[in-house]
Amino acid sequence: MLWFKKKNRGVSQQPPRNVPDGLWIKCDNCGEIIYKKQLDRTFWTCPQCNYHFRVTSDYYIRILLDNGEFEEHDANLTPKDPLGFKDRKKYSDRLVAAKKKTGLNEAVRVGIGKIDGIPVSFAVMDFRFIGGSMGSVVGERVARAIERSLERKIPLVIISASGGARMQEGILSLMQMAKTSALLALLDDAKLPYISVLTNPTTAGVMASYASLGDVNIAEPKALLGFAGPRVIQQTIGQELPEGFQSSEFFQEHGFVDAVVPRPQLKKNIALLLRYMYRPADGIPVEMPN
């Protein structure tokens, strides 16, 4: 008898038990299938290869600020469409879609929080909102976060994740590079520390302005960093690029990043830096850890 005519001998033909969607996720780097609850325990880093998954602004607020408490400011500033820009779709429609998708009204959130008891002016970008691009409202919110640091004489911490300037706002977007950089010079004059945290990706106009101007620049492992994409650079200079070009580790090796810090250790390292660098207005140093 041919094998395909044999009767089934005890092998169950029952369909596999249904597994609810959304419980597992595949690592983009190594392909490992990971239980999401395990990722929560590892700060959304792959236990197999240490790949750092892209996370939301809410998540950074939760893991970096004490008790996840965040006094948000400037949420009433919302982007408009000053140029009436249209490519494949209207910019105004893109804004509506991004708000619906993310529950946010812009690509950066700013406010006041505490890191290990130290008050900070805090800004965190969210790549989900039009690729974390910097339009005029993003620039204004960041500018106000810097001004808030100056007014209250507290440190500034910015978590960047961006594809660069927002092309739909043209020159108005590019002007934010100069505005934020000039205010950071005032922060430097005031001897107030600024810690910049670079996540995957941090590129183009954001990288060329406030993201790279920290007193200390920290990056998450294997984050994509740089101004232009590797393909554009390779075509421009006509040369092969070195392996690992534009990674956090490459930037650290060449002196553009001070430290590559895994996400589970991020808060501890920021807090330690702030304790070394910051002296409150009353002149009493913050207590160093034992």
C-alpha atoms as a PDB file:
ATOM      1  CA  MET A   1       0.000   0.000   0.000  1.00  0.00           C
ATOM      2  CA  LEU A   2       1.315   3.418  -0.848  1.00  0.00           C
ATOM      3  CA  TRP A   3       2.270   5.527   2.156  1.00  0.00           C
ATOM      4  CA  PHE A   4      -0.169   8.280   1.285  1.00  0.00           C
ATOM      5  CA  LYS A   5      -3.060   5.754   1.406  1.00  0.00           C
ATOM      6  CA  LYS A   6      -2.274   4.446   4.862  1.00  0.00           C
ATOM      7  CA  LYS A   7      -4.829   5.050   7.532  1.00  0.00           C
ATOM      8  CA  ASN A   8      -4.033   7.403  10.350  1.00  0.00           C
ATOM      9  CA  ARG A   9      -2.712   5.414  13.310  1.00  0.00           C
ATOM     10  CA  GLY A  10      -3.297   7.518  16.348  1.00  0.00           C
ATOM     11  CA  VAL A  11      -1.808  10.808  15.133  1.00  0.00           C
ATOM     12  CA  SER A  12      -4.144  13.580  16.152  1.00  0.00           C
ATOM     13  CA  GLN A  13      -5.616  15.674  13.401  1.00  0.00           C
ATOM     14  CA  GLN A  14      -6.837  18.302  15.868  1.00  0.00           C
ATOM     15  CA  PRO A  15      -5.718  21.825  14.948  1.00  0.00           C
ATOM     16  CA  PRO A  16      -3.115  23.338  17.330  1.00  0.00           C
ATOM     17  CA  ARG A  17      -4.465  25.176  20.326  1.00  0.00           C
ATOM     18  CA  ASN A  18      -5.057  28.821  19.504  1.00  0.00           C
ATOM     19  CA  VAL A  19      -2.420  31.168  20.897  1.00  0.00           C
ATOM     20  CA  PRO A  20      -3.527  34.782  21.441  1.00  0.00           C
ATOM     21  CA  ASP A  21      -1.926  37.297  19.106  1.00  0.00           C
ATOM     22  CA  GLY A  22       0.552  39.810  20.473  1.00  0.00           C
ATOM     23  CA  LEU A  23       2.193  37.618  23.134  1.00  0.00           C
ATOM     24  CA  TRP A  24       5.386  36.988  21.176  1.00  0.00           C
ATOM     25  CA  ILE A  25       7.677  39.181  19.096  1.00  0.00           C
ATOM     26  CA  LYS A  26      10.530  38.457  16.709  1.00  0.00           C
ATOM     27  CA  CYS A  27      13.899  40.139  17.235  1.00  0.00           C
ATOM     28  CA  ASP A  28      14.744  42.278  14.208  1.00  0.00           C
ATOM     29  CA  ASN A  29      18.436  41.493  14.654  1.00  0.00           C
ATOM     30  CA  CYS A  30      18.822  37.769  15.391  1.00  0.00           C
ATOM     31  CA  GLY A  31      15.333  36.429  14.631  1.00  0.00           C
ATOM     32  CA  GLU A  32      14.782  35.046  18.136  1.00  0.00           C
ATOM     33  CA  ILE A  33      11.102  34.651  19.082  1.00  0.00           C
ATOM     34  CA  ILE A  34      10.684  36.283  22.484  1.00  0.00           C
ATOM     35  CA  TYR A  35       7.822  36.303  24.978  1.00  0.00           C
ATOM     36  CA  LYS A  36       6.803  39.928  25.488  1.00  0.00           C
ATOM     37  CA  LYS A  37       6.641  39.615  29.266  1.00  0.00           C
ATOM     38  CA  GLN A  38      10.288  38.566  29.194  1.00  0.00           C
ATOM     39  CA  LEU A  39      11.116  41.696  27.189  1.00  0.00           C
ATOM     40  CA  ASP A  40       9.436  43.804  29.872  1.00  0.00           C
ATOM     41  CA  ARG A  41      11.872  42.323  32.379  1.00  0.00           C
ATOM     42  CA  THR A  42      14.886  43.057  30.161  1.00  0.00           C
ATOM     43  CA  PHE A  43      13.916  46.671  29.332  1.00  0.00           C
ATOM     44  CA  TRP A  44      12.937  45.643  25.796  1.00  0.00           C
ATOM     45  CA  THR A  45      16.376  44.324  24.923  1.00  0.00           C
ATOM     46  CA  CYS A  46      16.812  40.925  23.270  1.00  0.00           C
ATOM     47  CA  PRO A  47      18.138  38.351  25.786  1.00  0.00           C
ATOM     48  CA  GLN A  48      19.860  36.535  22.909  1.00  0.00           C
ATOM     49  CA  CYS A  49      21.772  39.331  21.115  1.00  0.00           C
ATOM     50  CA  ASN A  50      21.139  42.479  23.239  1.00  0.00           C
ATOM     51  CA  TYR A  51      19.302  44.198  20.377  1.00  0.00           C
ATOM     52  CA  HIS A  52      17.499  47.270  21.721  1.00  0.00           C
ATOM     53  CA  PHE A  53      13.924  47.404  20.482  1.00  0.00           C
ATOM     54  CA  ARG A  54      12.570  50.833  19.633  1.00  0.00           C
ATOM     55  CA  VAL A  55      10.330  52.000  22.487  1.00  0.00           C
ATOM     56  CA  THR A  56       7.914  54.867  23.044  1.00  0.00           C
ATOM     57  CA  SER A  57       8.253  58.172  24.862  1.00  0.00           C
ATOM     58  CA  ASP A  58       5.942  56.790  27.564  1.00  0.00           C
ATOM     59  CA  TYR A  59       8.374  53.948  28.170  1.00  0.00           C
ATOM     60  CA  TYR A  60      11.392  56.241  28.635  1.00  0.00           C
ATOM     61  CA  ILE A  61       9.384  58.376  31.049  1.00  0.00           C
ATOM     62  CA  ARG A  62       8.511  55.263  33.022  1.00  0.00           C
ATOM     63  CA  ILE A  63      12.044  53.839  33.280  1.00  0.00           C
ATOM     64  CA  LEU A  64      14.041  57.062  33.682  1.00  0.00           C
ATOM     65  CA  LEU A  65      11.948  59.399  35.831  1.00  0.00           C
ATOM     66  CA  ASP A  66      11.343  58.617  39.500  1.00  0.00           C
ATOM     67  CA  ASN A  67       8.043  56.744  39.864  1.00  0.00           C
ATOM     68  CA  GLY A  68       7.371  57.528  36.195  1.00  0.00           C
ATOM     69  CA  GLU A  69       6.130  60.964  37.306  1.00  0.00           C
ATOM     70  CA  PHE A  70       6.261  63.648  34.628  1.00  0.00           C
ATOM     71  CA  GLU A  71       4.890  67.189  34.833  1.00  0.00           C
ATOM     72  CA  GLU A  72       4.266  67.781  31.139  1.00  0.00           C
ATOM     73  CA  HIS A  73       4.512  71.276  29.653  1.00  0.00           C
ATOM     74  CA  ASP A  74       3.659  72.850  26.295  1.00  0.00           C
ATOM     75  CA  ALA A  75       1.296  70.072  25.227  1.00  0.00           C
ATOM     76  CA  ASN A  76      -0.985  72.835  23.906  1.00  0.00           C
ATOM     77  CA  LEU A  77       1.575  73.674  21.180  1.00  0.00           C
ATOM     78  CA  THR A  78       0.484  71.723  18.115  1.00  0.00           C
ATOM     79  CA  PRO A  79       1.850  71.638  14.545  1.00  0.00           C
ATOM     80  CA  LYS A  80       0.151  73.388  11.658  1.00  0.00           C
ATOM     81  CA  ASP A  81       0.612  73.296   7.880  1.00  0.00           C
ATOM     82  CA  PRO A  82       2.031  76.760   7.113  1.00  0.00           C
ATOM     83  CA  LEU A  83       3.150  75.847   3.580  1.00  0.00           C
ATOM     84  CA  GLY A  84       0.046  73.901   2.554  1.00  0.00           C
ATOM     85  CA  PHE A  85       2.488  71.102   1.711  1.00  0.00           C
ATOM     86  CA  LYS A  86       1.447  68.048  -0.287  1.00  0.00           C
ATOM     87  CA  ASP A  87       3.475  65.079  -1.566  1.00  0.00           C
ATOM     88  CA  ARG A  88       1.696  61.727  -1.867  1.00  0.00           C
ATOM     89  CA  LYS A  89      -0.793  63.114   0.629  1.00  0.00           C
ATOM     90  CA  LYS A  90      -1.427  66.411   2.376  1.00  0.00           C
ATOM     91  CA  TYR A  91       0.790  67.248   5.339  1.00  0.00           C
ATOM     92  CA  SER A  92      -2.329  68.141   7.306  1.00  0.00           C
ATOM     93  CA  ASP A  93      -3.622  64.603   6.673  1.00  0.00           C
ATOM     94  CA  ARG A  94      -0.308  63.126   7.824  1.00  0.00           C
ATOM     95  CA  LEU A  95      -0.605  65.057  11.081  1.00  0.00           C
ATOM     96  CA  VAL A  96      -4.125  63.754  11.664  1.00  0.00           C
ATOM     97  CA  ALA A  97      -2.985  60.169  10.939  1.00  0.00           C
ATOM     98  CA  ALA A  98       0.045  60.472  13.246  1.00  0.00           C
ATOM     99  CA  LYS A  99      -2.108  61.799  16.085  1.00  0.00           C
ATOM    100  CA  LYS A 100      -4.592  58.967  15.635  1.00  0.00           C
ATOM    101  CA  LYS A 101      -1.856  56.325  15.473  1.00  0.00           C
ATOM    102  CA  THR A 102       0.190  57.486  18.482  1.00  0.00           C
ATOM    103  CA  GLY A 103      -2.192  59.390  20.741  1.00  0.00           C
ATOM    104  CA  LEU A 104       0.379  62.212  20.679  1.00  0.00           C
ATOM    105  CA  ASN A 105       0.124  65.605  19.047  1.00  0.00           C
ATOM    106  CA  GLU A 106       3.842  66.021  18.233  1.00  0.00           C
ATOM    107  CA  ALA A 107       7.119  64.089  18.060  1.00  0.00           C
ATOM    108  CA  VAL A 108       8.541  65.356  21.359  1.00  0.00           C
ATOM    109  CA  ARG A 109       7.205  65.673  24.900  1.00  0.00           C
ATOM    110  CA  VAL A 110       8.763  68.082  27.399  1.00  0.00           C
ATOM    111  CA  GLY A 111       8.344  68.797  31.082  1.00  0.00           C
ATOM    112  CA  ILE A 112       9.806  68.433  34.552  1.00  0.00           C
ATOM    113  CA  GLY A 113      10.691  65.251  36.411  1.00  0.00           C
ATOM    114  CA  LYS A 114      13.238  63.820  38.792  1.00  0.00           C
ATOM    115  CA  ILE A 115      16.028  61.328  38.189  1.00  0.00           C
ATOM    116  CA  ASP A 116      17.175  59.719  41.430  1.00  0.00           C
ATOM    117  CA  GLY A 117      15.803  62.711  43.332  1.00  0.00           C
ATOM    118  CA  ILE A 118      17.473  65.337  41.105  1.00  0.00           C
ATOM    119  CA  PRO A 119      15.024  67.682  39.321  1.00  0.00           C
ATOM    120  CA  VAL A 120      15.554  67.874  35.560  1.00  0.00           C
ATOM    121  CA  SER A 121      14.058  69.583  32.563  1.00  0.00           C
ATOM    122  CA  PHE A 122      13.227  66.553  30.450  1.00  0.00           C
ATOM    123  CA  ALA A 123      12.478  66.110  26.747  1.00  0.00           C
ATOM    124  CA  VAL A 124      11.831  62.790  25.025  1.00  0.00           C
ATOM    125  CA  MET A 125      11.225  62.227  21.322  1.00  0.00           C
ATOM    126  CA  ASP A 126       8.900  59.605  19.889  1.00  0.00           C
ATOM    127  CA  PHE A 127       9.855  58.072  16.535  1.00  0.00           C
ATOM    128  CA  ARG A 128       6.298  56.880  15.902  1.00  0.00           C
ATOM    129  CA  PHE A 129       5.175  60.446  15.150  1.00  0.00           C
ATOM    130  CA  ILE A 130       6.282  61.074  11.522  1.00  0.00           C
ATOM    131  CA  GLY A 131       9.654  59.453  12.163  1.00  0.00           C
ATOM    132  CA  GLY A 132      10.430  61.702  15.121  1.00  0.00           C
ATOM    133  CA  SER A 133      11.000  64.515  12.645  1.00  0.00           C
ATOM    134  CA  MET A 134      11.733  68.026  13.893  1.00  0.00           C
ATOM    135  CA  GLY A 135       9.213  70.614  12.800  1.00  0.00           C
ATOM    136  CA  SER A 136       8.723  74.107  14.191  1.00  0.00           C
ATOM    137  CA  VAL A 137       6.724  72.869  17.201  1.00  0.00           C
ATOM    138  CA  VAL A 138       9.311  70.215  18.073  1.00  0.00           C
ATOM    139  CA  GLY A 139      11.976  72.921  17.962  1.00  0.00           C
ATOM    140  CA  GLU A 140       9.876  75.286  20.058  1.00  0.00           C
ATOM    141  CA  ARG A 141       9.138  72.640  22.687  1.00  0.00           C
ATOM    142  CA  VAL A 142      12.828  71.742  22.950  1.00  0.00           C
ATOM    143  CA  ALA A 143      13.716  75.434  23.122  1.00  0.00           C
ATOM    144  CA  ARG A 144      11.263  75.931  25.975  1.00  0.00           C
ATOM    145  CA  ALA A 145      12.702  72.886  27.773  1.00  0.00           C
ATOM    146  CA  ILE A 146      16.136  74.533  27.586  1.00  0.00           C
ATOM    147  CA  GLU A 147      14.706  77.850  28.801  1.00  0.00           C
ATOM    148  CA  ARG A 148      12.976  76.028  31.671  1.00  0.00           C
ATOM    149  CA  SER A 149      16.334  74.558  32.646  1.00  0.00           C
ATOM    150  CA  LEU A 150      17.820  78.063  32.678  1.00  0.00           C
ATOM    151  CA  GLU A 151      14.933  79.590  34.650  1.00  0.00           C
ATOM    152  CA  ARG A 152      14.867  76.882  37.317  1.00  0.00           C
ATOM    153  CA  LYS A 153      18.652  76.325  37.298  1.00  0.00           C
ATOM    154  CA  ILE A 154      18.275  72.577  36.868  1.00  0.00           C
ATOM    155  CA  PRO A 155      19.952  70.094  34.492  1.00  0.00           C
ATOM    156  CA  LEU A 156      18.615  69.257  31.045  1.00  0.00           C
ATOM    157  CA  VAL A 157      18.159  65.693  29.754  1.00  0.00           C
ATOM    158  CA  ILE A 158      17.001  65.022  26.190  1.00  0.00           C
ATOM    159  CA  ILE A 159      16.226  61.566  24.752  1.00  0.00           C
ATOM    160  CA  SER A 160      16.506  61.781  20.960  1.00  0.00           C
ATOM    161  CA  ALA A 161      15.009  59.507  18.307  1.00  0.00           C
ATOM    162  CA  SER A 162      14.618  61.155  14.933  1.00  0.00           C
ATOM    163  CA  GLY A 163      14.966  60.919  11.198  1.00  0.00           C
ATOM    164  CA  GLY A 164      15.849  64.629  11.078  1.00  0.00           C
ATOM    165  CA  ALA A 165      14.171  67.865  10.062  1.00  0.00           C
ATOM    166  CA  ARG A 166      10.557  67.692   8.854  1.00  0.00           C
ATOM    167  CA  MET A 167      10.640  68.398   5.136  1.00  0.00           C
ATOM    168  CA  GLN A 168       6.955  69.349   5.042  1.00  0.00           C
ATOM    169  CA  GLU A 169       7.792  72.558   6.927  1.00  0.00           C
ATOM    170  CA  GLY A 170      10.772  73.527   4.780  1.00  0.00           C
ATOM    171  CA  ILE A 171      13.017  76.310   6.091  1.00  0.00           C
ATOM    172  CA  LEU A 172      10.847  76.697   9.212  1.00  0.00           C
ATOM    173  CA  SER A 173      12.031  73.263  10.255  1.00  0.00           C
ATOM    174  CA  LEU A 174      15.701  73.956   9.497  1.00  0.00           C
ATOM    175  CA  MET A 175      15.594  77.153  11.583  1.00  0.00           C
ATOM    176  CA  GLN A 176      15.018  75.013  14.697  1.00  0.00           C
ATOM    177  CA  MET A 177      18.595  73.744  14.467  1.00  0.00           C
ATOM    178  CA  ALA A 178      20.002  77.224  14.998  1.00  0.00           C
ATOM    179  CA  LYS A 179      17.426  78.193  17.631  1.00  0.00           C
ATOM    180  CA  THR A 180      18.017  75.198  19.877  1.00  0.00           C
ATOM    181  CA  SER A 181      21.801  75.307  19.451  1.00  0.00           C
ATOM    182  CA  ALA A 182      21.957  78.987  20.442  1.00  0.00           C
ATOM    183  CA  LEU A 183      19.950  78.319  23.605  1.00  0.00           C
ATOM    184  CA  LEU A 184      22.241  75.431  24.525  1.00  0.00           C
ATOM    185  CA  ALA A 185      25.167  77.872  24.387  1.00  0.00           C
ATOM    186  CA  LEU A 186      23.386  79.921  27.063  1.00  0.00           C
ATOM    187  CA  LEU A 187      22.943  76.777  29.133  1.00  0.00           C
ATOM    188  CA  ASP A 188      26.676  76.159  28.865  1.00  0.00           C
ATOM    189  CA  ASP A 189      27.388  79.738  29.986  1.00  0.00           C
ATOM    190  CA  ALA A 190      25.167  79.145  33.017  1.00  0.00           C
ATOM    191  CA  LYS A 191      27.215  76.008  33.923  1.00  0.00           C
ATOM    192  CA  LEU A 192      24.114  73.821  33.894  1.00  0.00           C
ATOM    193  CA  PRO A 193      24.666  70.232  32.744  1.00  0.00           C
ATOM    194  CA  TYR A 194      23.034  68.868  29.620  1.00  0.00           C
ATOM    195  CA  ILE A 195      22.985  65.113  29.045  1.00  0.00           C
ATOM    196  CA  SER A 196      22.001  63.957  25.568  1.00  0.00           C
ATOM    197  CA  VAL A 197      20.843  60.372  25.070  1.00  0.00           C
ATOM    198  CA  LEU A 198      20.942  59.076  21.491  1.00  0.00           C
ATOM    199  CA  THR A 199      18.639  56.191  20.603  1.00  0.00           C
ATOM    200  CA  ASN A 200      17.988  54.295  17.393  1.00  0.00           C
ATOM    201  CA  PRO A 201      17.890  56.220  15.092  1.00  0.00           C
ATOM    202  CA  THR A 202      19.193  59.734  15.729  1.00  0.00           C
ATOM    203  CA  THR A 203      20.079  61.335  12.416  1.00  0.00           C
ATOM    204  CA  ALA A 204      20.146  64.400  10.158  1.00  0.00           C
ATOM    205  CA  GLY A 205      19.032  67.802  11.488  1.00  0.00           C
ATOM    206  CA  VAL A 206      18.435  66.614  15.054  1.00  0.00           C
ATOM    207  CA  MET A 207      21.849  64.938  15.221  1.00  0.00           C
ATOM    208  CA  ALA A 208      23.419  68.036  13.671  1.00  0.00           C
ATOM    209  CA  SER A 209      21.938  70.271  16.365  1.00  0.00           C
ATOM    210  CA  TYR A 210      20.876  69.630  19.952  1.00  0.00           C
ATOM    211  CA  ALA A 211      21.362  65.836  19.980  1.00  0.00           C
ATOM    212  CA  SER A 212      25.133  66.095  19.542  1.00  0.00           C
ATOM    213  CA  LEU A 213      25.719  69.111  21.808  1.00  0.00           C
ATOM    214  CA  GLY A 214      25.480  67.488  25.232  1.00  0.00           C
ATOM    215  CA  ASP A 215      28.092  68.000  27.906  1.00  0.00           C
ATOM    216  CA  VAL A 216      27.925  64.215  27.881  1.00  0.00           C
ATOM    217  CA  ASN A 217      26.576  62.295  24.888  1.00  0.00           C
ATOM    218  CA  ILE A 218      25.304  58.803  25.709  1.00  0.00           C
ATOM    219  CA  ALA A 219      24.063  56.297  23.129  1.00  0.00           C
ATOM    220  CA  GLU A 220      22.193  53.039  23.355  1.00  0.00           C
ATOM    221  CA  PRO A 221      24.037  50.049  21.830  1.00  0.00           C
ATOM    222  CA  LYS A 222      24.014  49.660  18.040  1.00  0.00           C
ATOM    223  CA  ALA A 223      21.889  52.762  17.482  1.00  0.00           C
ATOM    224  CA  LEU A 224      22.022  54.269  13.991  1.00  0.00           C
ATOM    225  CA  LEU A 225      23.612  57.719  14.298  1.00  0.00           C
ATOM    226  CA  GLY A 226      24.741  60.288  11.745  1.00  0.00           C
ATOM    227  CA  PHE A 227      23.718  63.091   9.435  1.00  0.00           C
ATOM    228  CA  ALA A 228      23.071  61.462   6.048  1.00  0.00           C
ATOM    229  CA  GLY A 229      22.383  57.812   5.294  1.00  0.00           C
ATOM    230  CA  PRO A 230      25.303  55.508   4.451  1.00  0.00           C
ATOM    231  CA  ARG A 231      24.201  55.099   0.827  1.00  0.00           C
ATOM    232  CA  VAL A 232      24.240  58.883   0.274  1.00  0.00           C
ATOM    233  CA  ILE A 233      27.644  59.230   1.936  1.00  0.00           C
ATOM    234  CA  GLN A 234      29.130  56.380  -0.079  1.00  0.00           C
ATOM    235  CA  GLN A 235      27.877  57.863  -3.342  1.00  0.00           C
ATOM    236  CA  THR A 236      29.184  61.317  -2.365  1.00  0.00           C
ATOM    237  CA  ILE A 237      32.731  60.307  -1.397  1.00  0.00           C
ATOM    238  CA  GLY A 238      32.991  57.399  -3.834  1.00  0.00           C
ATOM    239  CA  GLN A 239      34.520  55.052  -1.271  1.00  0.00           C
ATOM    240  CA  GLU A 240      33.540  51.929   0.610  1.00  0.00           C
ATOM    241  CA  LEU A 241      32.457  52.687   4.172  1.00  0.00           C
ATOM    242  CA  PRO A 242      34.047  50.842   7.106  1.00  0.00           C
ATOM    243  CA  GLU A 243      32.124  48.039   8.794  1.00  0.00           C
ATOM    244  CA  GLY A 244      29.772  49.246  11.531  1.00  0.00           C
ATOM    245  CA  PHE A 245      29.843  52.781  10.159  1.00  0.00           C
ATOM    246  CA  GLN A 246      27.285  55.054  11.899  1.00  0.00           C
ATOM    247  CA  SER A 247      26.753  52.731  14.846  1.00  0.00           C
ATOM    248  CA  SER A 248      26.980  53.904  18.456  1.00  0.00           C
ATOM    249  CA  GLU A 249      30.136  51.842  18.928  1.00  0.00           C
ATOM    250  CA  PHE A 250      31.808  53.398  15.863  1.00  0.00           C
ATOM    251  CA  PHE A 251      30.929  56.874  17.110  1.00  0.00           C
ATOM    252  CA  GLN A 252      32.365  56.123  20.550  1.00  0.00           C
ATOM    253  CA  GLU A 253      35.558  54.741  19.052  1.00  0.00           C
ATOM    254  CA  HIS A 254      36.033  57.970  17.084  1.00  0.00           C
ATOM    255  CA  GLY A 255      35.214  60.332  19.949  1.00  0.00           C
ATOM    256  CA  PHE A 256      31.738  61.536  18.950  1.00  0.00           C
ATOM    257  CA  VAL A 257      29.968  59.637  21.740  1.00  0.00           C
ATOM    258  CA  ASP A 258      31.213  59.538  25.329  1.00  0.00           C
ATOM    259  CA  ALA A 259      29.622  56.262  26.393  1.00  0.00           C
ATOM    260  CA  VAL A 260      27.506  53.432  25.004  1.00  0.00           C
ATOM    261  CA  VAL A 261      25.125  52.440  27.783  1.00  0.00           C
ATOM    262  CA  PRO A 262      22.639  49.528  27.685  1.00  0.00           C
ATOM    263  CA  ARG A 263      19.080  50.570  28.452  1.00  0.00           C
ATOM    264  CA  PRO A 264      18.837  48.716  31.813  1.00  0.00           C
ATOM    265  CA  GLN A 265      21.769  50.829  33.078  1.00  0.00           C
ATOM    266  CA  LEU A 266      20.664  54.140  31.574  1.00  0.00           C
ATOM    267  CA  LYS A 267      18.997  55.708  34.612  1.00  0.00           C
ATOM    268  CA  LYS A 268      21.841  54.711  36.951  1.00  0.00           C
ATOM    269  CA  ASN A 269      24.449  56.251  34.645  1.00  0.00           C
ATOM    270  CA  ILE A 270      22.502  59.482  34.067  1.00  0.00           C
ATOM    271  CA  ALA A 271      21.953  59.880  37.811  1.00  0.00           C
ATOM    272  CA  LEU A 272      25.649  59.347  38.525  1.00  0.00           C
ATOM    273  CA  LEU A 273      26.638  61.946  35.927  1.00  0.00           C
ATOM    274  CA  LEU A 274      24.178  64.470  37.302  1.00  0.00           C
ATOM    275  CA  ARG A 275      25.549  64.019  40.819  1.00  0.00           C
ATOM    276  CA  TYR A 276      29.058  64.737  39.582  1.00  0.00           C
ATOM    277  CA  MET A 277      28.123  67.669  37.355  1.00  0.00           C
ATOM    278  CA  TYR A 278      25.281  69.497  39.088  1.00  0.00           C
ATOM    279  CA  ARG A 279      25.419  71.911  41.985  1.00  0.00           C
ATOM    280  CA  PRO A 280      21.973  73.287  42.942  1.00  0.00           C
ATOM    281  CA  ALA A 281      21.350  77.007  43.315  1.00  0.00           C
ATOM    282  CA  ASP A 282      21.600  76.742  47.123  1.00  0.00           C
ATOM    283  CA  GLY A 283      25.202  75.593  46.714  1.00  0.00           C
ATOM    284  CA  ILE A 284      24.639  72.304  48.555  1.00  0.00           C
ATOM    285  CA  PRO A 285      26.006  69.422  46.452  1.00  0.00           C
ATOM    286  CA  VAL A 286      23.639  66.553  45.757  1.00  0.00           C
ATOM    287  CA  GLU A 287      24.514  63.497  47.783  1.00  0.00           C
ATOM    288  CA  MET A 288      26.800  60.981  46.086  1.00  0.00           C
ATOM    289  CA  PRO A 289      25.867  57.310  46.257  1.00  0.00           C
ATOM    290  CA  ASN A 290      27.879  55.055  48.558  1.00  0.00           C
END
